[in-house]
Amino acid sequence: MKDKCILLIDDEETIQEVVQVGIEIEAGWEVTVASSGAQGIEVAQAQQPDAILLDIMMPDMDGISTLSQLKANAKTQSIPVILLTAKTQTTDKKQFQNVEVMGVITKPFNSMTLASRIAKILQWEF
C-alpha cells in the first residue's frame, strides 16, 4: 500500500508544524500544507490527496465555505474531509453534522496520536 498523503488546510503556522511533524513521525504519511481555503482548493485539485484536514476558522474563506467548494468540484468531491476546530459548542457540533465530513477533531489535540485518530475515522489500516 502506498503511503498516504494528507492535505492540511489551516492558517496557523504552529498548527501546520505540529500536524506535519506528528503525522510524519507517527505514520510516515506525507503532509502537504495550504494556508488558506483558496490555496487548499488549488492544492487538492492538483495533488488529489488521500484525505483533507480542514480548519474551520480561517480569514477570507472559512472552512465551511472551503468544504462547499471542494464538494462542488468533480475533482475533489470524493476526497474525505476531517474538520479541525476549536469550536465545541453544541450549536457548532450540530452545524458540523449537516455537512459532508468524515469526522471532527477538536483542538487542542495530541499531535503524536493524530494519525491514528485519522486512520480510525477513515477506517484505514494503521
Protein backbone atom coordinates (compact mmCIF):
# COMPACT_ATOMS: atom_id res chain seq x y z
CA MET A 1 0.00 0.00 0.00
CA LYS A 2 1.37 3.41 -0.92
CA ASP A 3 1.99 5.98 1.75
CA LYS A 4 -0.93 8.27 2.41
CA CYS A 5 -0.87 11.95 1.54
CA ILE A 6 -2.79 14.31 3.81
CA LEU A 7 -3.60 17.90 2.87
CA LEU A 8 -3.81 20.22 5.86
CA ILE A 9 -5.69 23.47 5.24
CA ASP A 10 -5.03 25.74 8.23
CA ASP A 11 -3.87 29.34 8.51
CA GLU A 12 -1.93 28.90 11.78
CA GLU A 13 1.77 28.11 11.30
CA THR A 14 2.03 26.45 14.72
CA ILE A 15 -0.79 24.02 13.88
CA GLN A 16 0.79 23.35 10.48
CA GLU A 17 4.11 22.39 12.08
CA VAL A 18 2.57 20.29 14.87
CA VAL A 19 0.32 18.35 12.49
CA GLN A 20 3.05 17.81 9.93
CA VAL A 21 5.63 16.57 12.42
CA GLY A 22 3.13 14.44 14.37
CA ILE A 23 1.70 12.66 11.33
CA GLU A 24 5.06 12.12 9.67
CA ILE A 25 6.59 10.69 12.87
CA GLU A 26 3.60 8.55 13.87
CA ALA A 27 2.55 7.21 10.46
CA GLY A 28 5.16 8.21 7.91
CA TRP A 29 2.47 9.84 5.77
CA GLU A 30 3.25 12.85 3.61
CA VAL A 31 1.63 16.11 4.75
CA THR A 32 1.06 18.97 2.32
CA VAL A 33 0.11 22.32 3.82
CA ALA A 34 -2.12 25.08 2.49
CA SER A 35 -2.54 28.33 4.44
CA SER A 36 -5.94 29.37 3.10
CA GLY A 37 -9.12 27.88 1.75
CA ALA A 38 -8.42 29.09 -1.79
CA GLN A 39 -4.89 27.68 -1.73
CA GLY A 40 -6.21 24.41 -0.28
CA ILE A 41 -8.72 24.01 -3.11
CA GLU A 42 -5.94 24.55 -5.69
CA VAL A 43 -3.63 22.04 -3.99
CA ALA A 44 -6.45 19.48 -3.63
CA GLN A 45 -7.26 19.72 -7.34
CA ALA A 46 -3.60 19.43 -8.38
CA GLN A 47 -2.41 16.74 -5.95
CA GLN A 48 -5.51 14.66 -5.18
CA PRO A 49 -4.58 13.88 -1.54
CA ASP A 50 -5.93 10.81 0.24
CA ALA A 51 -7.64 13.00 2.85
CA ILE A 52 -8.00 16.64 3.89
CA LEU A 53 -7.73 18.09 7.40
CA LEU A 54 -9.66 21.35 7.28
CA ASP A 55 -9.64 24.15 9.84
CA ILE A 56 -12.98 25.88 10.37
CA MET A 57 -11.88 29.35 11.44
CA MET A 58 -9.74 31.00 8.76
CA PRO A 59 -9.72 34.52 7.37
CA ASP A 60 -11.10 35.24 3.88
CA MET A 61 -12.71 31.85 3.24
CA ASP A 62 -13.73 29.81 6.29
CA GLY A 63 -13.65 26.03 6.45
CA ILE A 64 -17.34 25.52 5.68
CA SER A 65 -17.08 27.66 2.51
CA THR A 66 -13.92 25.79 1.52
CA LEU A 67 -15.69 22.46 2.12
CA SER A 68 -18.63 23.55 -0.05
CA GLN A 69 -16.30 24.35 -2.93
CA LEU A 70 -14.39 21.08 -2.53
CA LYS A 71 -17.65 19.09 -2.59
CA ALA A 72 -18.95 21.03 -5.62
CA ASN A 73 -15.84 20.22 -7.69
CA ALA A 74 -15.79 16.88 -9.54
CA LYS A 75 -12.01 16.55 -8.99
CA THR A 76 -12.20 16.96 -5.21
CA GLN A 77 -15.70 15.92 -4.15
CA SER A 78 -14.75 12.36 -3.22
CA ILE A 79 -11.72 13.25 -1.08
CA PRO A 80 -12.61 12.54 2.58
CA VAL A 81 -12.54 15.64 4.80
CA ILE A 82 -11.99 15.80 8.56
CA LEU A 83 -12.63 19.10 10.29
CA LEU A 84 -10.12 20.53 12.76
CA THR A 85 -11.76 23.00 15.08
CA ALA A 86 -11.63 24.72 18.43
CA LYS A 87 -15.41 25.20 18.21
CA THR A 88 -17.01 22.82 20.67
CA GLN A 89 -20.37 24.46 21.39
CA THR A 90 -23.45 22.29 20.84
CA THR A 91 -24.67 24.60 18.06
CA ASP A 92 -21.31 24.25 16.29
CA LYS A 93 -21.41 20.46 16.58
CA LYS A 94 -24.92 20.41 15.08
CA GLN A 95 -23.68 22.52 12.15
CA PHE A 96 -20.88 20.02 11.53
CA GLN A 97 -23.41 17.16 11.37
CA ASN A 98 -25.10 18.90 8.44
CA VAL A 99 -22.01 18.98 6.22
CA GLU A 100 -20.31 16.17 4.32
CA VAL A 101 -17.36 15.36 6.56
CA MET A 102 -15.97 12.07 7.78
CA GLY A 103 -15.30 13.36 11.27
CA VAL A 104 -14.32 16.22 13.54
CA ILE A 105 -11.14 16.53 15.60
CA THR A 106 -11.20 19.25 18.22
CA LYS A 107 -8.26 21.49 19.06
CA PRO A 108 -6.18 21.11 21.07
CA PHE A 109 -5.28 17.55 20.10
CA ASN A 110 -2.35 15.25 20.79
CA SER A 111 -0.13 15.52 17.70
CA MET A 112 1.52 12.19 18.41
CA THR A 113 -1.79 10.29 18.18
CA LEU A 114 -3.34 12.37 15.40
CA ALA A 115 -2.50 9.89 12.61
CA SER A 116 -4.14 7.01 14.49
CA ARG A 117 -7.26 9.14 15.04
CA ILE A 118 -7.36 9.97 11.32
CA ALA A 119 -6.89 6.28 10.42
CA LYS A 120 -9.72 5.30 12.77
CA ILE A 121 -12.12 7.92 11.33
CA LEU A 122 -11.31 6.92 7.75
CA GLN A 123 -11.06 3.18 8.52
CA TRP A 124 -7.53 2.96 7.16
CA GLU A 125 -5.10 0.20 8.10
CA PHE A 126 -2.57 1.59 10.52
